[in-house]
PDB file of N, CA and C in Angstrom:
ATOM      1  N   MET A   1     -69.603  39.745  73.023  1.00  0.00           N
ATOM      2  CA  MET A   1     -70.285  40.078  74.260  1.00  0.00           C
ATOM      3  C   MET A   1     -70.401  38.810  75.097  1.00  0.00           C
ATOM      4  N   ARG A   2     -69.924  38.899  76.307  1.00  0.00           N
ATOM      5  CA  ARG A   2     -70.095  37.788  77.241  1.00  0.00           C
ATOM      6  C   ARG A   2     -71.498  37.856  77.822  1.00  0.00           C
ATOM      7  N   LYS A   3     -71.978  36.733  78.303  1.00  0.00           N
ATOM      8  CA  LYS A   3     -73.323  36.674  78.865  1.00  0.00           C
ATOM      9  C   LYS A   3     -73.500  37.663  80.012  1.00  0.00           C
ATOM     10  N   ASP A   4     -72.465  37.820  80.827  1.00  0.00           N
ATOM     11  CA  ASP A   4     -72.570  38.673  81.997  1.00  0.00           C
ATOM     12  C   ASP A   4     -72.120  40.114  81.762  1.00  0.00           C
ATOM     13  N   ASN A   5     -71.716  40.449  80.537  1.00  0.00           N
ATOM     14  CA  ASN A   5     -71.228  41.792  80.263  1.00  0.00           C
ATOM     15  C   ASN A   5     -71.470  42.144  78.791  1.00  0.00           C
ATOM     16  N   PRO A   6     -72.130  43.275  78.502  1.00  0.00           N
ATOM     17  CA  PRO A   6     -72.433  43.635  77.109  1.00  0.00           C
ATOM     18  C   PRO A   6     -71.272  44.272  76.352  1.00  0.00           C
ATOM     19  N   CYS A   7     -70.123  44.456  76.986  1.00  0.00           N
ATOM     20  CA  CYS A   7     -68.986  45.115  76.339  1.00  0.00           C
ATOM     21  C   CYS A   7     -68.519  44.317  75.117  1.00  0.00           C
ATOM     22  N   ILE A   8     -68.267  45.052  74.011  1.00  0.00           N
ATOM     23  CA  ILE A   8     -67.718  44.415  72.806  1.00  0.00           C
ATOM     24  C   ILE A   8     -66.345  45.005  72.470  1.00  0.00           C
ATOM     25  N   SER A   9     -65.736  45.690  73.440  1.00  0.00           N
ATOM     26  CA  SER A   9     -64.383  46.262  73.333  1.00  0.00           C
ATOM     27  C   SER A   9     -64.257  47.328  72.256  1.00  0.00           C
ATOM     28  N   VAL A  10     -65.292  48.137  72.076  1.00  0.00           N
ATOM     29  CA  VAL A  10     -65.210  49.281  71.169  1.00  0.00           C
ATOM     30  C   VAL A  10     -64.838  50.530  71.969  1.00  0.00           C
ATOM     31  N   CYS A  11     -65.539  50.820  73.021  1.00  0.00           N
ATOM     32  CA  CYS A  11     -65.218  51.867  73.996  1.00  0.00           C
ATOM     33  C   CYS A  11     -64.931  53.243  73.393  1.00  0.00           C
ATOM     34  N   GLU A  12     -65.821  53.708  72.549  1.00  0.00           N
ATOM     35  CA  GLU A  12     -65.832  55.085  72.072  1.00  0.00           C
ATOM     36  C   GLU A  12     -67.155  55.661  72.524  1.00  0.00           C
ATOM     37  N   PHE A  13     -67.136  56.919  72.958  1.00  0.00           N
ATOM     38  CA  PHE A  13     -68.334  57.500  73.546  1.00  0.00           C
ATOM     39  C   PHE A  13     -68.855  58.665  72.739  1.00  0.00           C
ATOM     40  N   ASP A  14     -70.175  58.710  72.607  1.00  0.00           N
ATOM     41  CA  ASP A  14     -70.848  59.807  71.928  1.00  0.00           C
ATOM     42  C   ASP A  14     -70.800  61.032  72.839  1.00  0.00           C
ATOM     43  N   GLY A  15     -70.357  62.155  72.318  1.00  0.00           N
ATOM     44  CA  GLY A  15     -70.225  63.358  73.120  1.00  0.00           C
ATOM     45  C   GLY A  15     -71.542  63.949  73.578  1.00  0.00           C
ATOM     46  N   ARG A  16     -72.606  63.708  72.835  1.00  0.00           N
ATOM     47  CA  ARG A  16     -73.903  64.283  73.176  1.00  0.00           C
ATOM     48  C   ARG A  16     -74.627  63.458  74.232  1.00  0.00           C
ATOM     49  N   THR A  17     -74.671  62.143  74.064  1.00  0.00           N
ATOM     50  CA  THR A  17     -75.429  61.282  74.972  1.00  0.00           C
ATOM     51  C   THR A  17     -74.574  60.659  76.071  1.00  0.00           C
ATOM     52  N   GLY A  18     -73.277  60.502  75.802  1.00  0.00           N
ATOM     53  CA  GLY A  18     -72.400  59.811  76.737  1.00  0.00           C
ATOM     54  C   GLY A  18     -72.463  58.302  76.611  1.00  0.00           C
ATOM     55  N   TRP A  19     -73.170  57.796  75.606  1.00  0.00           N
ATOM     56  CA  TRP A  19     -73.310  56.359  75.410  1.00  0.00           C
ATOM     57  C   TRP A  19     -72.120  55.818  74.634  1.00  0.00           C
ATOM     58  N   CYS A  20     -71.683  54.618  75.022  1.00  0.00           N
ATOM     59  CA  CYS A  20     -70.623  53.927  74.293  1.00  0.00           C
ATOM     60  C   CYS A  20     -71.167  53.514  72.929  1.00  0.00           C
ATOM     61  N   LEU A  21     -70.373  53.700  71.888  1.00  0.00           N
ATOM     62  CA  LEU A  21     -70.810  53.319  70.541  1.00  0.00           C
ATOM     63  C   LEU A  21     -70.853  51.800  70.366  1.00  0.00           C
ATOM     64  N   GLY A  22     -70.170  51.071  71.223  1.00  0.00           N
ATOM     65  CA  GLY A  22     -70.161  49.614  71.134  1.00  0.00           C
ATOM     66  C   GLY A  22     -71.293  48.960  71.907  1.00  0.00           C
ATOM     67  N   CYS A  23     -71.414  49.302  73.192  1.00  0.00           N
ATOM     68  CA  CYS A  23     -72.394  48.599  74.027  1.00  0.00           C
ATOM     69  C   CYS A  23     -73.587  49.461  74.423  1.00  0.00           C
ATOM     70  N   GLY A  24     -73.473  50.779  74.315  1.00  0.00           N
ATOM     71  CA  GLY A  24     -74.589  51.656  74.637  1.00  0.00           C
ATOM     72  C   GLY A  24     -74.639  52.146  76.073  1.00  0.00           C
ATOM     73  N   ARG A  25     -73.705  51.682  76.907  1.00  0.00           N
ATOM     74  CA  ARG A  25     -73.733  52.110  78.300  1.00  0.00           C
ATOM     75  C   ARG A  25     -72.978  53.423  78.492  1.00  0.00           C
ATOM     76  N   THR A  26     -73.299  54.121  79.580  1.00  0.00           N
ATOM     77  CA  THR A  26     -72.547  55.306  79.979  1.00  0.00           C
ATOM     78  C   THR A  26     -71.375  54.855  80.847  1.00  0.00           C
ATOM     79  N   ILE A  27     -70.428  55.752  81.078  1.00  0.00           N
ATOM     80  CA  ILE A  27     -69.288  55.409  81.931  1.00  0.00           C
ATOM     81  C   ILE A  27     -69.748  55.012  83.337  1.00  0.00           C
ATOM     82  N   PRO A  28     -70.675  55.765  83.969  1.00  0.00           N
ATOM     83  CA  PRO A  28     -71.141  55.315  85.289  1.00  0.00           C
ATOM     84  C   PRO A  28     -71.810  53.937  85.258  1.00  0.00           C
ATOM     85  N   GLU A  29     -72.555  53.636  84.205  1.00  0.00           N
ATOM     86  CA  GLU A  29     -73.187  52.316  84.097  1.00  0.00           C
ATOM     87  C   GLU A  29     -72.138  51.219  83.946  1.00  0.00           C
ATOM     88  N   ILE A  30     -71.064  51.507  83.218  1.00  0.00           N
ATOM     89  CA  ILE A  30     -69.981  50.534  83.050  1.00  0.00           C
ATOM     90  C   ILE A  30     -69.302  50.285  84.394  1.00  0.00           C
ATOM     91  N   ARG A  31     -69.028  51.362  85.124  1.00  0.00           N
ATOM     92  CA  ARG A  31     -68.377  51.232  86.433  1.00  0.00           C
ATOM     93  C   ARG A  31     -69.226  50.435  87.418  1.00  0.00           C
ATOM     94  N   GLU A  32     -70.530  50.649  87.385  1.00  0.00           N
ATOM     95  CA  GLU A  32     -71.435  50.039  88.353  1.00  0.00           C
ATOM     96  C   GLU A  32     -71.990  48.683  87.912  1.00  0.00           C
ATOM     97  N   TRP A  33     -71.637  48.218  86.719  1.00  0.00           N
ATOM     98  CA  TRP A  33     -72.246  47.023  86.138  1.00  0.00           C
ATOM     99  C   TRP A  33     -72.271  45.840  87.102  1.00  0.00           C
ATOM    100  N   GLN A  34     -71.148  45.510  87.712  1.00  0.00           N
ATOM    101  CA  GLN A  34     -71.072  44.338  88.596  1.00  0.00           C
ATOM    102  C   GLN A  34     -71.899  44.514  89.867  1.00  0.00           C
ATOM    103  N   LYS A  35     -72.179  45.755  90.242  1.00  0.00           N
ATOM    104  CA  LYS A  35     -72.946  46.028  91.458  1.00  0.00           C
ATOM    105  C   LYS A  35     -74.449  46.100  91.222  1.00  0.00           C
ATOM    106  N   LEU A  36     -74.868  46.148  89.948  1.00  0.00           N
ATOM    107  CA  LEU A  36     -76.292  46.263  89.646  1.00  0.00           C
ATOM    108  C   LEU A  36     -77.036  44.995  90.053  1.00  0.00           C
ATOM    109  N   THR A  37     -78.289  45.174  90.456  1.00  0.00           N
ATOM    110  CA  THR A  37     -79.130  44.016  90.755  1.00  0.00           C
ATOM    111  C   THR A  37     -79.454  43.296  89.446  1.00  0.00           C
ATOM    112  N   PRO A  38     -79.777  42.025  89.503  1.00  0.00           N
ATOM    113  CA  PRO A  38     -80.151  41.312  88.277  1.00  0.00           C
ATOM    114  C   PRO A  38     -81.317  41.999  87.547  1.00  0.00           C
ATOM    115  N   TYR A  39     -82.269  42.526  88.290  1.00  0.00           N
ATOM    116  CA  TYR A  39     -83.400  43.216  87.664  1.00  0.00           C
ATOM    117  C   TYR A  39     -82.919  44.433  86.884  1.00  0.00           C
ATOM    118  N   ARG A  40     -82.074  45.265  87.493  1.00  0.00           N
ATOM    119  CA  ARG A  40     -81.581  46.480  86.822  1.00  0.00           C
ATOM    120  C   ARG A  40     -80.697  46.128  85.633  1.00  0.00           C
ATOM    121  N   ARG A  41     -79.883  45.085  85.775  1.00  0.00           N
ATOM    122  CA  ARG A  41     -79.034  44.650  84.663  1.00  0.00           C
ATOM    123  C   ARG A  41     -79.881  44.217  83.470  1.00  0.00           C
ATOM    124  N   THR A  42     -80.922  43.439  83.739  1.00  0.00           N
ATOM    125  CA  THR A  42     -81.811  42.975  82.671  1.00  0.00           C
ATOM    126  C   THR A  42     -82.516  44.149  82.009  1.00  0.00           C
ATOM    127  N   ALA A  43     -82.983  45.092  82.814  1.00  0.00           N
ATOM    128  CA  ALA A  43     -83.657  46.272  82.255  1.00  0.00           C
ATOM    129  C   ALA A  43     -82.697  47.065  81.366  1.00  0.00           C
ATOM    130  N   LEU A  44     -81.467  47.230  81.813  1.00  0.00           N
ATOM    131  CA  LEU A  44     -80.480  47.966  81.027  1.00  0.00           C
ATOM    132  C   LEU A  44     -80.120  47.196  79.753  1.00  0.00           C
ATOM    133  N   LEU A  45     -79.976  45.883  79.855  1.00  0.00           N
ATOM    134  CA  LEU A  45     -79.666  45.082  78.669  1.00  0.00           C
ATOM    135  C   LEU A  45     -80.742  45.219  77.595  1.00  0.00           C
ATOM    136  N   ARG A  46     -81.984  45.365  78.009  1.00  0.00           N
ATOM    137  CA  ARG A  46     -83.072  45.547  77.040  1.00  0.00           C
ATOM    138  C   ARG A  46     -83.012  46.910  76.371  1.00  0.00           C
ATOM    139  N   GLU A  47     -82.489  47.898  77.072  1.00  0.00           N
ATOM    140  CA  GLU A  47     -82.412  49.271  76.570  1.00  0.00           C
ATOM    141  C   GLU A  47     -81.229  49.491  75.624  1.00  0.00           C
ATOM    142  N   LEU A  48     -80.158  48.748  75.811  1.00  0.00           N
ATOM    143  CA  LEU A  48     -78.913  49.006  75.087  1.00  0.00           C
ATOM    144  C   LEU A  48     -79.018  48.920  73.564  1.00  0.00           C
ATOM    145  N   PRO A  49     -79.693  47.936  72.970  1.00  0.00           N
ATOM    146  CA  PRO A  49     -79.778  47.902  71.502  1.00  0.00           C
ATOM    147  C   PRO A  49     -80.420  49.165  70.921  1.00  0.00           C
ATOM    148  N   ARG A  50     -81.428  49.712  71.597  1.00  0.00           N
ATOM    149  CA  ARG A  50     -82.056  50.943  71.127  1.00  0.00           C
ATOM    150  C   ARG A  50     -81.077  52.105  71.180  1.00  0.00           C
ATOM    151  N   ARG A  51     -80.314  52.188  72.253  1.00  0.00           N
ATOM    152  CA  ARG A  51     -79.328  53.259  72.394  1.00  0.00           C
ATOM    153  C   ARG A  51     -78.279  53.194  71.295  1.00  0.00           C
ATOM    154  N   VAL A  52     -77.734  51.994  71.075  1.00  0.00           N
ATOM    155  CA  VAL A  52     -76.685  51.828  70.064  1.00  0.00           C
ATOM    156  C   VAL A  52     -77.224  52.207  68.690  1.00  0.00           C
ATOM    157  N   LYS A  53     -78.412  51.749  68.373  1.00  0.00           N
ATOM    158  CA  LYS A  53     -79.013  52.081  67.076  1.00  0.00           C
ATOM    159  C   LYS A  53     -79.214  53.591  66.954  1.00  0.00           C
ATOM    160  N   GLN A  54     -79.708  54.220  68.005  1.00  0.00           N
ATOM    161  CA  GLN A  54     -79.960  55.660  67.959  1.00  0.00           C
ATOM    162  C   GLN A  54     -78.669  56.452  67.791  1.00  0.00           C
ATOM    163  N   VAL A  55     -77.644  56.130  68.547  1.00  0.00           N
ATOM    164  CA  VAL A  55     -76.406  56.893  68.471  1.00  0.00           C
ATOM    165  C   VAL A  55     -75.724  56.686  67.122  1.00  0.00           C
ATOM    166  N   ARG A  56     -75.800  55.491  66.566  1.00  0.00           N
ATOM    167  CA  ARG A  56     -75.213  55.252  65.241  1.00  0.00           C
ATOM    168  C   ARG A  56     -75.979  56.007  64.165  1.00  0.00           C
ATOM    169  N   THR A  57     -77.305  56.023  64.255  1.00  0.00           N
ATOM    170  CA  THR A  57     -78.134  56.758  63.296  1.00  0.00           C
ATOM    171  C   THR A  57     -77.855  58.254  63.394  1.00  0.00           C
ATOM    172  N   ASP A  58     -77.785  58.765  64.618  1.00  0.00           N
ATOM    173  CA  ASP A  58     -77.507  60.189  64.823  1.00  0.00           C
ATOM    174  C   ASP A  58     -76.129  60.565  64.288  1.00  0.00           C
ATOM    175  N   ASN A  59     -75.130  59.717  64.533  1.00  0.00           N
ATOM    176  CA  ASN A  59     -73.778  59.997  64.046  1.00  0.00           C
ATOM    177  C   ASN A  59     -73.710  59.958  62.529  1.00  0.00           C
ATOM    178  N   GLU A  60     -74.421  59.035  61.913  1.00  0.00           N
ATOM    179  CA  GLU A  60     -74.456  58.959  60.445  1.00  0.00           C
ATOM    180  C   GLU A  60     -75.113  60.211  59.875  1.00  0.00           C
ATOM    181  N   ALA A  61     -76.200  60.647  60.480  1.00  0.00           N
ATOM    182  CA  ALA A  61     -76.884  61.852  60.016  1.00  0.00           C
ATOM    183  C   ALA A  61     -75.979  63.066  60.160  1.00  0.00           C
ATOM    184  N   SER A  62     -75.225  63.144  61.253  1.00  0.00           N
ATOM    185  CA  SER A  62     -74.303  64.266  61.463  1.00  0.00           C
ATOM    186  C   SER A  62     -73.199  64.268  60.417  1.00  0.00           C
ATOM    187  N   ARG A  63     -72.662  63.078  60.106  1.00  0.00           N
ATOM    188  CA  ARG A  63     -71.616  62.996  59.078  1.00  0.00           C
ATOM    189  C   ARG A  63     -72.164  63.413  57.725  1.00  0.00           C
ATOM    190  N   ASN A  64     -73.363  62.954  57.396  1.00  0.00           N
ATOM    191  CA  ASN A  64     -73.962  63.322  56.119  1.00  0.00           C
ATOM    192  C   ASN A  64     -74.216  64.821  56.035  1.00  0.00           C
ATOM    193  N   GLN A  65     -74.648  65.416  57.129  1.00  0.00           N
ATOM    194  CA  GLN A  65     -74.909  66.850  57.153  1.00  0.00           C
ATOM    195  C   GLN A  65     -73.596  67.623  56.994  1.00  0.00           C
ATOM    196  N   ALA A  66     -72.547  67.150  57.638  1.00  0.00           N
ATOM    197  CA  ALA A  66     -71.259  67.825  57.569  1.00  0.00           C
ATOM    198  C   ALA A  66     -70.658  67.754  56.164  1.00  0.00           C
ATOM    199  N   THR A  67     -70.915  66.671  55.453  1.00  0.00           N
ATOM    200  CA  THR A  67     -70.361  66.522  54.108  1.00  0.00           C
ATOM    201  C   THR A  67     -71.313  67.016  53.031  1.00  0.00           C
ATOM    202  N   GLY A  68     -72.514  67.391  53.436  1.00  0.00           N
ATOM    203  CA  GLY A  68     -73.489  67.886  52.471  1.00  0.00           C
ATOM    204  C   GLY A  68     -74.257  66.792  51.755  1.00  0.00           C
ATOM    205  N   ARG A  69     -74.006  65.537  52.155  1.00  0.00           N
ATOM    206  CA  ARG A  69     -74.733  64.440  51.515  1.00  0.00           C
ATOM    207  C   ARG A  69     -76.106  64.308  52.144  1.00  0.00           C
ATOM    208  N   VAL A  70     -77.078  64.071  51.321  1.00  0.00           N
ATOM    209  CA  VAL A  70     -78.439  63.881  51.804  1.00  0.00           C
ATOM    210  C   VAL A  70     -78.965  62.597  51.208  1.00  0.00           C
ATOM    211  N   ARG A  71     -79.504  61.765  52.053  1.00  0.00           N
ATOM    212  CA  ARG A  71     -80.109  60.522  51.559  1.00  0.00           C
ATOM    213  C   ARG A  71     -81.596  60.782  51.407  1.00  0.00           C
ATOM    214  N   ARG A  72     -82.063  60.656  50.191  1.00  0.00           N
ATOM    215  CA  ARG A  72     -83.472  60.904  49.924  1.00  0.00           C
ATOM    216  C   ARG A  72     -84.115  59.631  49.409  1.00  0.00           C
ATOM    217  N   THR A  73     -85.323  59.416  49.834  1.00  0.00           N
ATOM    218  CA  THR A  73     -86.091  58.302  49.304  1.00  0.00           C
ATOM    219  C   THR A  73     -87.359  58.871  48.697  1.00  0.00           C
ATOM    220  N   PHE A  74     -87.772  58.277  47.618  1.00  0.00           N
ATOM    221  CA  PHE A  74     -88.957  58.743  46.922  1.00  0.00           C
ATOM    222  C   PHE A  74     -89.957  57.604  46.816  1.00  0.00           C
ATOM    223  N   PRO A  75     -91.222  57.910  46.918  1.00  0.00           N
ATOM    224  CA  PRO A  75     -92.218  56.846  46.761  1.00  0.00           C
ATOM    225  C   PRO A  75     -92.238  56.349  45.323  1.00  0.00           C
ATOM    226  N   ALA A  76     -92.600  55.092  45.164  1.00  0.00           N
ATOM    227  CA  ALA A  76     -92.731  54.538  43.825  1.00  0.00           C
ATOM    228  C   ALA A  76     -93.893  55.201  43.126  1.00  0.00           C
ATOM    229  N   PRO A  77     -93.778  55.417  41.828  1.00  0.00           N
ATOM    230  CA  PRO A  77     -94.906  56.016  41.098  1.00  0.00           C
ATOM    231  C   PRO A  77     -96.151  55.159  41.246  1.00  0.00           C
ATOM    232  N   SER A  78     -97.296  55.801  41.317  1.00  0.00           N
ATOM    233  CA  SER A  78     -98.527  55.051  41.487  1.00  0.00           C
ATOM    234  C   SER A  78     -98.730  54.134  40.280  1.00  0.00           C
ATOM    235  N   GLY A  79     -99.197  52.945  40.549  1.00  0.00           N
ATOM    236  CA  GLY A  79     -99.430  51.972  39.492  1.00  0.00           C
ATOM    237  C   GLY A  79     -98.215  51.132  39.148  1.00  0.00           C
ATOM    238  N   SER A  80     -97.043  51.499  39.678  1.00  0.00           N
ATOM    239  CA  SER A  80     -95.853  50.699  39.367  1.00  0.00           C
ATOM    240  C   SER A  80     -95.784  49.504  40.299  1.00  0.00           C
ATOM    241  N   LYS A  81     -95.135  48.476  39.815  1.00  0.00           N
ATOM    242  CA  LYS A  81     -94.983  47.269  40.612  1.00  0.00           C
ATOM    243  C   LYS A  81     -93.593  47.250  41.216  1.00  0.00           C
ATOM    244  N   ARG A  82     -93.538  46.838  42.465  1.00  0.00           N
ATOM    245  CA  ARG A  82     -92.233  46.687  43.124  1.00  0.00           C
ATOM    246  C   ARG A  82     -91.656  45.331  42.764  1.00  0.00           C
ATOM    247  N   PRO A  83     -90.350  45.260  42.569  1.00  0.00           N
ATOM    248  CA  PRO A  83     -89.744  43.950  42.309  1.00  0.00           C
ATOM    249  C   PRO A  83     -89.832  43.086  43.547  1.00  0.00           C
ATOM    250  N   ASN A  84     -89.995  41.792  43.355  1.00  0.00           N
ATOM    251  CA  ASN A  84     -90.096  40.863  44.485  1.00  0.00           C
ATOM    252  C   ASN A  84     -88.762  40.418  44.947  1.00  0.00           C
TER     253      ASN A  84
END
């Protein structure tokens, strides 16, 4: 990622959200990037990590559901010690 552009050259888009799986922007946001004000660019840059994390989590959950895999976590039994 260059300082002036969040693109990491992945350029695959989530069909549900329209967000790029690499940088988190939509196609219109990518097109308008150079025209955005510094304030809007900064605001969008702060939002992008959340978008990327969300779309990756959603895609992983969809793949697991499609394959029938379920990731389950269980609480430790009461009184047990967790390893450090």
